[in-house]
Amino acid sequence: MTENSRPGFRAALSNRTILMTLGVFAFIAATATGAALGTQSTGRVDASDKAAIEQIVHDYIMEHPEIIPQAVEKLQAKRMSGTIDASRQTIETPYAGAWEGAAKGDVTVVEFFDYACGYCRASLPDLAKLVGEDKGVKVVYRELPILSDESIDAAKVSLLAAEKNQYMPFHRALYAAGKVTRETILAAAAKVGIDAKAAQAAIADSRYNAEIQSNIGLAQKLQASGTPTFVVGGQVLNGAVGYEALKAAVSAARGK
């Protein structure tokens, strides 16, 4: 991973609100025109009728601008659900043992996170409560180290821990250590039985780069705005949304 990977990730997220707003005008106009066309026995409308329909749509939008954000949200949610479905297997398949909860849960909650992210640390008890109270939930953790070089080091040792079936103990130990530094990473590793030599080798090992870059690519597809980002069913939730929002998203996923 290069220094440019993090700025590139942020740049890929810019301007999507503008693009969605422009797109929704076309969406609303096409929907209204299509509805009108559907009332015609021939399925055709002449140019003057089409212009009249478009004027009605224009006037309605100008009189009720509040429908624009509502339409943007609905259109974006529909598109995002399709994006998730197209990559669901990749998104929900953990790296080795980087998961907790039900091995064969009926709902999978995926968290894209960074060990240097305070909001990710704050979400840890919410996920623990969710897994503790709902025996049908599986939580998959995806490393998204975009905040610092130490984040990358931590992600690599975390993936090593996943291979050794010590993922959650390491995950909790490193968050409990506070600030992410080379020293706290090695200390957390030692706490779960990974010696300093093995942890340092993981940090230097390029074989984990593919997993990290794959996660960055997935986050870009999902229009993640940072960390944490959660994927539940057909929804993407950005930020430390809290237990109740996660629980509601799980219920919504089951309701489909």
Protein backbone atom coordinates (compact mmCIF):
# COMPACT_ATOMS: atom_id res chain seq x y z
CA MET A 1 0.00 0.00 0.00
CA THR A 2 1.32 3.45 -0.88
CA GLU A 3 0.79 6.81 0.74
CA ASN A 4 -1.49 7.71 -2.16
CA SER A 5 -3.91 4.89 -1.40
CA ARG A 6 -5.61 6.75 1.43
CA PRO A 7 -6.14 10.09 -0.41
CA GLY A 8 -7.28 8.08 -3.43
CA PHE A 9 -9.90 6.36 -1.31
CA ARG A 10 -11.27 9.70 -0.13
CA ALA A 11 -11.24 11.19 -3.63
CA ALA A 12 -13.31 8.30 -4.93
CA LEU A 13 -16.08 9.26 -2.49
CA SER A 14 -16.41 12.92 -3.52
CA ASN A 15 -19.26 14.46 -5.52
CA ARG A 16 -21.60 11.47 -5.25
CA THR A 17 -24.37 13.59 -3.70
CA ILE A 18 -24.25 15.97 -6.65
CA LEU A 19 -24.31 13.10 -9.12
CA MET A 20 -27.22 11.46 -7.33
CA THR A 21 -29.18 14.72 -7.30
CA LEU A 22 -28.71 15.21 -11.02
CA GLY A 23 -29.65 11.62 -11.66
CA VAL A 24 -32.83 11.78 -9.65
CA PHE A 25 -34.32 14.50 -11.88
CA ALA A 26 -34.06 12.09 -14.78
CA PHE A 27 -35.47 9.31 -12.58
CA ILE A 28 -38.53 11.31 -11.53
CA ALA A 29 -39.21 12.60 -15.02
CA ALA A 30 -38.85 9.16 -16.56
CA THR A 31 -41.13 7.61 -13.95
CA ALA A 32 -43.83 10.23 -14.44
CA THR A 33 -43.61 10.05 -18.23
CA GLY A 34 -43.66 6.27 -18.11
CA ALA A 35 -46.78 6.30 -15.95
CA ALA A 36 -48.51 8.60 -18.38
CA LEU A 37 -47.48 6.48 -21.31
CA GLY A 38 -48.93 3.48 -19.56
CA THR A 39 -52.37 5.07 -19.63
CA GLN A 40 -52.29 5.37 -23.41
CA SER A 41 -53.82 2.50 -25.35
CA THR A 42 -51.14 2.82 -28.04
CA GLY A 43 -48.29 3.28 -25.59
CA ARG A 44 -47.23 6.42 -27.48
CA VAL A 45 -47.48 10.13 -26.71
CA ASP A 46 -46.91 12.93 -29.19
CA ALA A 47 -44.30 15.63 -28.62
CA SER A 48 -46.74 18.22 -27.24
CA ASP A 49 -48.15 15.79 -24.67
CA LYS A 50 -44.64 14.74 -23.63
CA ALA A 51 -43.64 18.39 -23.17
CA ALA A 52 -46.76 18.98 -21.07
CA ILE A 53 -45.98 16.00 -18.84
CA GLU A 54 -42.41 17.20 -18.34
CA GLN A 55 -43.67 20.69 -17.45
CA ILE A 56 -46.03 19.20 -14.86
CA VAL A 57 -43.16 17.25 -13.34
CA HIS A 58 -40.95 20.35 -13.34
CA ASP A 59 -43.63 22.50 -11.70
CA TYR A 60 -44.35 19.87 -9.05
CA ILE A 61 -40.67 19.56 -8.15
CA MET A 62 -40.34 23.34 -7.89
CA GLU A 63 -43.38 23.51 -5.62
CA HIS A 64 -42.29 20.49 -3.53
CA PRO A 65 -38.47 20.50 -3.45
CA GLU A 66 -38.53 18.32 -0.33
CA ILE A 67 -39.19 15.29 -2.56
CA ILE A 68 -35.69 15.57 -4.04
CA PRO A 69 -33.74 14.32 -1.00
CA GLN A 70 -36.42 11.68 -0.44
CA ALA A 71 -36.10 10.48 -4.02
CA VAL A 72 -32.30 10.61 -3.88
CA GLU A 73 -32.33 8.48 -0.74
CA LYS A 74 -34.72 5.94 -2.24
CA LEU A 75 -32.81 5.71 -5.51
CA GLN A 76 -29.47 5.45 -3.74
CA ALA A 77 -30.77 2.71 -1.43
CA LYS A 78 -32.07 0.73 -4.40
CA ARG A 79 -28.78 1.04 -6.26
CA MET A 80 -26.76 0.21 -3.16
CA SER A 81 -28.78 -2.92 -2.50
CA GLY A 82 -27.95 -4.08 -6.02
CA THR A 83 -24.27 -3.29 -5.49
CA ILE A 84 -24.23 -5.31 -2.27
CA ASP A 85 -25.99 -8.26 -3.89
CA ALA A 86 -23.45 -8.29 -6.74
CA SER A 87 -20.55 -8.64 -4.27
CA ARG A 88 -22.30 -10.22 -1.30
CA GLN A 89 -20.26 -13.42 -1.21
CA THR A 90 -16.99 -11.47 -1.20
CA ILE A 91 -18.26 -8.96 1.38
CA GLU A 92 -19.62 -11.57 3.78
CA THR A 93 -16.84 -14.17 3.51
CA PRO A 94 -14.35 -13.51 6.31
CA TYR A 95 -10.60 -13.72 6.07
CA ALA A 96 -9.77 -16.93 7.96
CA GLY A 97 -11.12 -16.50 11.52
CA ALA A 98 -11.96 -12.78 11.31
CA TRP A 99 -15.51 -13.18 12.58
CA GLU A 100 -17.61 -13.83 15.68
CA GLY A 101 -21.11 -14.98 16.52
CA ALA A 102 -23.07 -17.67 14.73
CA ALA A 103 -21.01 -19.72 12.28
CA LYS A 104 -24.08 -20.17 10.09
CA GLY A 105 -26.12 -17.14 11.09
CA ASP A 106 -29.17 -16.13 9.12
CA VAL A 107 -27.95 -12.49 9.03
CA THR A 108 -24.36 -11.35 8.55
CA VAL A 109 -23.22 -7.96 9.83
CA VAL A 110 -20.00 -6.78 8.17
CA GLU A 111 -17.86 -4.04 9.71
CA PHE A 112 -15.16 -2.21 7.76
CA PHE A 113 -12.93 -0.74 10.45
CA ASP A 114 -9.58 0.81 11.35
CA TYR A 115 -7.79 0.12 14.63
CA ALA A 116 -6.86 3.81 14.87
CA CYS A 117 -10.54 4.81 14.63
CA GLY A 118 -12.09 5.91 17.92
CA TYR A 119 -15.60 5.44 16.53
CA CYS A 120 -14.75 1.84 15.67
CA ARG A 121 -13.59 1.33 19.26
CA ALA A 122 -16.86 2.86 20.47
CA SER A 123 -18.81 0.38 18.32
CA LEU A 124 -17.14 -2.65 19.91
CA PRO A 125 -19.65 -2.99 22.81
CA ASP A 126 -22.57 -2.51 20.41
CA LEU A 127 -21.43 -5.46 18.32
CA ALA A 128 -20.72 -7.53 21.44
CA LYS A 129 -24.26 -6.84 22.69
CA LEU A 130 -25.75 -7.70 19.31
CA VAL A 131 -23.91 -11.02 19.14
CA GLY A 132 -24.70 -11.77 22.79
CA GLU A 133 -28.44 -11.16 22.43
CA ASP A 134 -29.05 -12.48 18.90
CA LYS A 135 -27.80 -16.02 18.34
CA GLY A 136 -28.61 -15.80 14.63
CA VAL A 137 -26.12 -13.02 13.86
CA LYS A 138 -22.65 -13.48 12.43
CA VAL A 139 -20.27 -10.49 12.48
CA VAL A 140 -17.53 -10.36 9.85
CA TYR A 141 -14.66 -7.91 10.33
CA ARG A 142 -12.92 -6.36 7.33
CA GLU A 143 -9.67 -4.44 7.79
CA LEU A 144 -9.81 -0.94 6.29
CA PRO A 145 -6.58 0.73 7.49
CA ILE A 146 -6.90 4.22 6.02
CA LEU A 147 -5.98 6.47 8.94
CA SER A 148 -2.27 5.86 9.54
CA ASP A 149 0.72 3.68 8.80
CA GLU A 150 0.23 2.09 12.22
CA SER A 151 -3.27 1.14 11.08
CA ILE A 152 -1.72 -0.92 8.29
CA ASP A 153 0.69 -2.61 10.70
CA ALA A 154 -2.19 -3.42 13.05
CA ALA A 155 -4.29 -4.80 10.18
CA LYS A 156 -1.52 -7.18 9.11
CA VAL A 157 -1.00 -8.56 12.62
CA SER A 158 -4.78 -8.82 12.97
CA LEU A 159 -4.94 -10.96 9.83
CA LEU A 160 -2.15 -13.13 11.24
CA ALA A 161 -4.23 -13.54 14.40
CA ALA A 162 -7.20 -14.54 12.22
CA GLU A 163 -5.08 -17.30 10.69
CA LYS A 164 -4.19 -18.52 14.18
CA ASN A 165 -7.82 -18.48 15.40
CA GLN A 166 -6.99 -15.68 17.81
CA TYR A 167 -8.76 -12.90 15.98
CA MET A 168 -11.28 -11.69 18.55
CA PRO A 169 -8.87 -11.90 21.51
CA PHE A 170 -6.34 -9.82 19.55
CA HIS A 171 -9.07 -7.46 18.31
CA ARG A 172 -10.25 -6.72 21.84
CA ALA A 173 -6.73 -6.55 23.28
CA LEU A 174 -5.54 -3.97 20.75
CA TYR A 175 -8.60 -1.77 21.20
CA ALA A 176 -8.18 -2.00 24.95
CA ALA A 177 -4.55 -0.83 24.61
CA GLY A 178 -5.63 2.62 23.43
CA LYS A 179 -3.52 4.40 20.84
CA VAL A 180 -2.26 2.18 18.03
CA THR A 181 1.56 2.08 18.01
CA ARG A 182 4.12 -0.56 17.12
CA GLU A 183 4.49 -1.23 20.84
CA THR A 184 0.77 -1.69 21.55
CA ILE A 185 0.40 -3.93 18.48
CA LEU A 186 3.20 -6.21 19.65
CA ALA A 187 1.86 -6.20 23.21
CA ALA A 188 -1.63 -7.20 22.06
CA ALA A 189 -0.13 -9.94 19.91
CA ALA A 190 1.91 -11.26 22.82
CA LYS A 191 -1.22 -11.30 25.00
CA VAL A 192 -2.84 -13.84 22.63
CA GLY A 193 0.27 -15.97 22.18
CA ILE A 194 1.81 -14.42 19.05
CA ASP A 195 5.47 -13.66 19.71
CA ALA A 196 7.13 -10.42 18.64
CA LYS A 197 9.16 -12.08 15.89
CA ALA A 198 6.05 -13.50 14.20
CA ALA A 199 4.17 -10.20 14.54
CA GLN A 200 7.07 -8.21 13.08
CA ALA A 201 7.31 -10.68 10.20
CA ALA A 202 3.61 -10.17 9.48
CA ILE A 203 4.07 -6.40 9.40
CA ALA A 204 6.86 -6.80 6.84
CA ASP A 205 4.97 -9.42 4.82
CA SER A 206 3.43 -8.19 1.55
CA ARG A 207 1.07 -11.17 1.30
CA TYR A 208 -1.55 -9.35 3.37
CA ASN A 209 -1.63 -6.40 0.97
CA ALA A 210 -4.05 -8.16 -1.39
CA GLU A 211 -6.66 -8.55 1.35
CA ILE A 212 -6.30 -4.93 2.44
CA GLN A 213 -6.52 -3.61 -1.12
CA SER A 214 -9.55 -5.81 -1.76
CA ASN A 215 -11.28 -4.31 1.28
CA ILE A 216 -10.48 -0.79 0.09
CA GLY A 217 -11.97 -1.65 -3.30
CA LEU A 218 -15.12 -3.03 -1.68
CA ALA A 219 -15.44 0.08 0.50
CA GLN A 220 -15.25 2.28 -2.57
CA LYS A 221 -17.98 0.26 -4.29
CA LEU A 222 -20.13 0.63 -1.20
CA GLN A 223 -19.51 4.40 -1.09
CA ALA A 224 -18.19 4.12 2.45
CA SER A 225 -17.56 7.55 3.91
CA GLY A 226 -14.96 6.31 6.40
CA THR A 227 -14.79 3.96 9.35
CA PRO A 228 -16.69 2.26 10.74
CA THR A 229 -18.92 1.25 7.84
CA PHE A 230 -21.45 -1.55 8.36
CA VAL A 231 -23.15 -3.72 5.75
CA VAL A 232 -26.33 -5.47 6.88
CA GLY A 233 -28.61 -7.12 4.36
CA GLY A 234 -29.14 -4.54 1.62
CA GLN A 235 -28.08 -1.55 3.73
CA VAL A 236 -24.85 0.35 4.26
CA LEU A 237 -24.61 2.22 7.57
CA ASN A 238 -21.84 4.79 7.89
CA GLY A 239 -20.38 5.73 11.26
CA ALA A 240 -20.86 4.58 14.84
CA VAL A 241 -24.61 4.16 14.42
CA GLY A 242 -25.17 2.39 17.75
CA TYR A 243 -26.79 -0.81 18.91
CA GLU A 244 -30.41 0.10 18.12
CA ALA A 245 -29.62 0.99 14.49
CA LEU A 246 -27.69 -2.25 14.02
CA LYS A 247 -30.51 -4.25 15.60
CA ALA A 248 -33.05 -2.54 13.32
CA ALA A 249 -30.92 -3.29 10.26
CA VAL A 250 -30.72 -6.95 11.26
CA SER A 251 -34.52 -7.08 11.64
CA ALA A 252 -34.95 -5.42 8.25
CA ALA A 253 -32.62 -7.99 6.67
CA ARG A 254 -34.66 -10.82 8.17
CA GLY A 255 -37.88 -9.23 6.95
CA LYS A 256 -36.94 -9.48 3.30
